[in-house]
C-alpha atoms as a PDB file:
ATOM      1  CA  MET A   1       8.713 -21.194   4.941  1.00  0.00           C
ATOM      2  CA  GLN A   2      10.468 -17.845   5.065  1.00  0.00           C
ATOM      3  CA  ALA A   3       9.215 -14.525   6.403  1.00  0.00           C
ATOM      4  CA  GLN A   4       8.972 -11.656   3.909  1.00  0.00           C
ATOM      5  CA  PRO A   5       7.860  -8.658   5.997  1.00  0.00           C
ATOM      6  CA  LEU A   6       6.306  -5.688   4.236  1.00  0.00           C
ATOM      7  CA  ILE A   7       6.211  -2.209   5.709  1.00  0.00           C
ATOM      8  CA  ALA A   8       4.283   0.784   4.419  1.00  0.00           C
ATOM      9  CA  VAL A   9       6.339   3.934   3.874  1.00  0.00           C
ATOM     10  CA  SER A  10       5.790   7.409   2.475  1.00  0.00           C
ATOM     11  CA  ASP A  11       8.930   7.393   0.289  1.00  0.00           C
ATOM     12  CA  VAL A  12       9.877   3.955  -1.045  1.00  0.00           C
ATOM     13  CA  GLU A  13      13.031   5.095  -2.825  1.00  0.00           C
ATOM     14  CA  ALA A  14      14.440   6.976   0.192  1.00  0.00           C
ATOM     15  CA  SER A  15      13.591   4.077   2.530  1.00  0.00           C
ATOM     16  CA  SER A  16      15.166   1.629   0.098  1.00  0.00           C
ATOM     17  CA  ARG A  17      18.411   3.628   0.024  1.00  0.00           C
ATOM     18  CA  TRP A  18      18.455   3.788   3.842  1.00  0.00           C
ATOM     19  CA  TYR A  19      17.973   0.026   4.240  1.00  0.00           C
ATOM     20  CA  GLN A  20      20.517  -0.716   1.513  1.00  0.00           C
ATOM     21  CA  ASN A  21      23.091   1.486   3.283  1.00  0.00           C
ATOM     22  CA  VAL A  22      22.362   0.157   6.768  1.00  0.00           C
ATOM     23  CA  LEU A  23      21.812  -3.539   5.989  1.00  0.00           C
ATOM     24  CA  GLY A  24      24.159  -3.918   3.043  1.00  0.00           C
ATOM     25  CA  CYS A  25      21.368  -5.301   0.859  1.00  0.00           C
ATOM     26  CA  LYS A  26      20.333  -4.547  -2.731  1.00  0.00           C
ATOM     27  CA  SER A  27      17.150  -3.415  -4.434  1.00  0.00           C
ATOM     28  CA  GLY A  28      15.439  -6.307  -6.179  1.00  0.00           C
ATOM     29  CA  HIS A  29      12.581  -4.373  -7.748  1.00  0.00           C
ATOM     30  CA  GLY A  30      12.910  -0.601  -7.443  1.00  0.00           C
ATOM     31  CA  GLY A  31      10.479   2.189  -8.105  1.00  0.00           C
ATOM     32  CA  PRO A  32       8.445   4.804  -6.272  1.00  0.00           C
ATOM     33  CA  ASP A  33       5.600   2.473  -5.214  1.00  0.00           C
ATOM     34  CA  TYR A  34       7.240  -0.792  -4.181  1.00  0.00           C
ATOM     35  CA  ASP A  35      10.648  -2.368  -3.641  1.00  0.00           C
ATOM     36  CA  GLN A  36      12.036  -5.701  -2.558  1.00  0.00           C
ATOM     37  CA  LEU A  37      15.261  -5.653  -0.574  1.00  0.00           C
ATOM     38  CA  MET A  38      17.512  -8.615  -1.299  1.00  0.00           C
ATOM     39  CA  PHE A  39      20.434 -10.113   0.578  1.00  0.00           C
ATOM     40  CA  GLU A  40      22.403 -12.955  -0.986  1.00  0.00           C
ATOM     41  CA  GLY A  41      19.496 -13.810  -3.293  1.00  0.00           C
ATOM     42  CA  HIS A  42      16.809 -13.784  -0.573  1.00  0.00           C
ATOM     43  CA  MET A  43      14.150 -11.138  -0.051  1.00  0.00           C
ATOM     44  CA  ILE A  44      14.508  -9.789   3.473  1.00  0.00           C
ATOM     45  CA  LEU A  45      12.078  -6.853   3.383  1.00  0.00           C
ATOM     46  CA  GLN A  46       9.402  -5.319   1.179  1.00  0.00           C
ATOM     47  CA  LEU A  47       8.635  -1.606   1.042  1.00  0.00           C
ATOM     48  CA  HIS A  48       5.233  -0.386  -0.129  1.00  0.00           C
ATOM     49  CA  ARG A  49       4.093   3.217  -0.533  1.00  0.00           C
ATOM     50  CA  TRP A  50       1.079   3.907   1.688  1.00  0.00           C
ATOM     51  CA  ASP A  51      -1.214   5.121  -1.066  1.00  0.00           C
ATOM     52  CA  ALA A  52      -0.009   2.965  -3.975  1.00  0.00           C
ATOM     53  CA  HIS A  53      -2.544   0.401  -5.128  1.00  0.00           C
ATOM     54  CA  HIS A  54      -5.523  -0.454  -2.998  1.00  0.00           C
ATOM     55  CA  HIS A  55      -4.658  -2.668  -0.049  1.00  0.00           C
ATOM     56  CA  PRO A  56      -7.330  -2.241   2.631  1.00  0.00           C
ATOM     57  CA  HIS A  57      -5.287  -3.999   5.334  1.00  0.00           C
ATOM     58  CA  ILE A  58      -1.926  -2.273   4.880  1.00  0.00           C
ATOM     59  CA  GLY A  59      -2.643   0.164   7.688  1.00  0.00           C
ATOM     60  CA  LYS A  60      -3.228   3.859   8.140  1.00  0.00           C
ATOM     61  CA  PRO A  61      -0.392   6.379   7.844  1.00  0.00           C
ATOM     62  CA  ASP A  62      -1.973   8.667  10.456  1.00  0.00           C
ATOM     63  CA  VAL A  63      -1.639   6.022  13.214  1.00  0.00           C
ATOM     64  CA  ALA A  64       1.634   5.516  15.147  1.00  0.00           C
ATOM     65  CA  ILE A  65       4.123   3.755  12.859  1.00  0.00           C
ATOM     66  CA  GLY A  66       5.228   0.293  13.945  1.00  0.00           C
ATOM     67  CA  ASN A  67       3.810   0.312  17.454  1.00  0.00           C
ATOM     68  CA  GLY A  68       4.412  -3.139  18.907  1.00  0.00           C
ATOM     69  CA  ALA A  69       6.482  -4.430  15.976  1.00  0.00           C
ATOM     70  CA  LEU A  70      10.250  -4.531  15.508  1.00  0.00           C
ATOM     71  CA  LEU A  71      12.109  -5.237  12.284  1.00  0.00           C
ATOM     72  CA  TRP A  72      14.752  -7.658  13.523  1.00  0.00           C
ATOM     73  CA  PHE A  73      17.724  -8.659  11.389  1.00  0.00           C
ATOM     74  CA  TRP A  74      20.428 -11.184  12.172  1.00  0.00           C
ATOM     75  CA  THR A  75      23.919 -10.990  10.705  1.00  0.00           C
ATOM     76  CA  ASP A  76      27.201 -12.881  10.950  1.00  0.00           C
ATOM     77  CA  GLU A  77      28.977  -9.557  10.388  1.00  0.00           C
ATOM     78  CA  PHE A  78      27.806  -7.452  13.317  1.00  0.00           C
ATOM     79  CA  ASP A  79      30.855  -5.155  13.378  1.00  0.00           C
ATOM     80  CA  ASP A  80      30.460  -4.436   9.642  1.00  0.00           C
ATOM     81  CA  ALA A  81      26.785  -3.597  10.263  1.00  0.00           C
ATOM     82  CA  VAL A  82      27.752  -1.127  13.002  1.00  0.00           C
ATOM     83  CA  ASP A  83      30.260   0.483  10.615  1.00  0.00           C
ATOM     84  CA  ARG A  84      27.527   0.874   7.951  1.00  0.00           C
ATOM     85  CA  ILE A  85      25.130   2.325  10.535  1.00  0.00           C
ATOM     86  CA  THR A  86      27.754   4.867  11.598  1.00  0.00           C
ATOM     87  CA  ALA A  87      28.526   5.794   7.976  1.00  0.00           C
ATOM     88  CA  ALA A  88      24.796   6.222   7.252  1.00  0.00           C
ATOM     89  CA  ASN A  89      24.431   8.504  10.293  1.00  0.00           C
ATOM     90  CA  ALA A  90      21.400   6.431  11.314  1.00  0.00           C
ATOM     91  CA  THR A  91      19.380   7.301  14.408  1.00  0.00           C
ATOM     92  CA  VAL A  92      20.588   4.907  17.107  1.00  0.00           C
ATOM     93  CA  LEU A  93      18.167   4.153  19.937  1.00  0.00           C
ATOM     94  CA  GLU A  94      20.476   1.747  21.790  1.00  0.00           C
ATOM     95  CA  GLU A  95      24.205   1.600  21.117  1.00  0.00           C
ATOM     96  CA  PRO A  96      25.815  -1.787  20.435  1.00  0.00           C
ATOM     97  CA  HIS A  97      25.473  -3.898  23.546  1.00  0.00           C
ATOM     98  CA  GLU A  98      25.439  -7.479  24.704  1.00  0.00           C
ATOM     99  CA  ASN A  99      22.041  -9.053  25.261  1.00  0.00           C
ATOM    100  CA  ARG A 100      22.887 -11.751  27.837  1.00  0.00           C
ATOM    101  CA  ASN A 101      19.464 -13.401  27.519  1.00  0.00           C
ATOM    102  CA  ALA A 102      19.836 -13.876  23.759  1.00  0.00           C
ATOM    103  CA  GLN A 103      23.608 -14.442  23.953  1.00  0.00           C
ATOM    104  CA  HIS A 104      24.436 -11.995  21.166  1.00  0.00           C
ATOM    105  CA  ARG A 105      25.177  -8.346  20.482  1.00  0.00           C
ATOM    106  CA  GLU A 106      22.496  -5.919  19.300  1.00  0.00           C
ATOM    107  CA  ILE A 107      22.068  -2.361  18.083  1.00  0.00           C
ATOM    108  CA  TRP A 108      18.643  -0.691  17.960  1.00  0.00           C
ATOM    109  CA  LEU A 109      17.778   1.985  15.376  1.00  0.00           C
ATOM    110  CA  ARG A 110      14.898   4.071  14.115  1.00  0.00           C
ATOM    111  CA  ASP A 111      14.440   4.186  10.352  1.00  0.00           C
ATOM    112  CA  PRO A 112      13.448   7.439   8.607  1.00  0.00           C
ATOM    113  CA  GLU A 113       9.754   6.451   8.659  1.00  0.00           C
ATOM    114  CA  GLY A 114       9.733   5.731  12.412  1.00  0.00           C
ATOM    115  CA  TYR A 115      10.001   1.927  12.452  1.00  0.00           C
ATOM    116  CA  VAL A 116      12.302   0.374  15.058  1.00  0.00           C
ATOM    117  CA  VAL A 117      15.034  -1.770  13.521  1.00  0.00           C
ATOM    118  CA  VAL A 118      17.245  -4.162  15.483  1.00  0.00           C
ATOM    119  CA  ILE A 119      20.396  -5.723  14.089  1.00  0.00           C
ATOM    120  CA  ALA A 120      21.770  -8.647  16.053  1.00  0.00           C
ATOM    121  CA  GLY A 121      24.869 -10.769  15.793  1.00  0.00           C
ATOM    122  CA  PRO A 122      24.748 -14.565  15.833  1.00  0.00           C
ATOM    123  CA  TYR A 123      24.097 -16.615  18.967  1.00  0.00           C
ATOM    124  CA  GLY A 124      27.231 -16.660  21.101  1.00  0.00           C
ATOM    125  CA  ASP A 125      28.471 -13.334  19.670  1.00  0.00           C
ATOM    126  CA  VAL A 126      29.196 -11.645  22.978  1.00  0.00           C
ATOM    127  CA  GLY A 127      32.750 -10.429  22.483  1.00  0.00           C
ATOM    128  CA  MET A 128      32.682  -6.646  22.631  1.00  0.00           C
END
């Protein structure tokens, strides 16, 4: 089993570009209504326009975006991810830091739609 999270967004193409720049992934579908973001042949995130198609359980765009949920990504290349985040001028909520409980480094962001995104290095990646 593999998770394939889907988030609802107002602008799929802009969100797709942001995630591609920040995560170093590629579009696997493309278009204004839906996209699949791919990394090394695996789908890591789906983007769906709020009002495209009829999905009664996708949520409501007028309610706080992402409350209680984090989009958490793990990478072997944490320093490269931080470089991409800096180049993308992404909104950083927490600068790169060591999470001693998880035994890795993390950086916390906010995507253009308001979702919180965390990028973490591998277990044992504590060398800052």
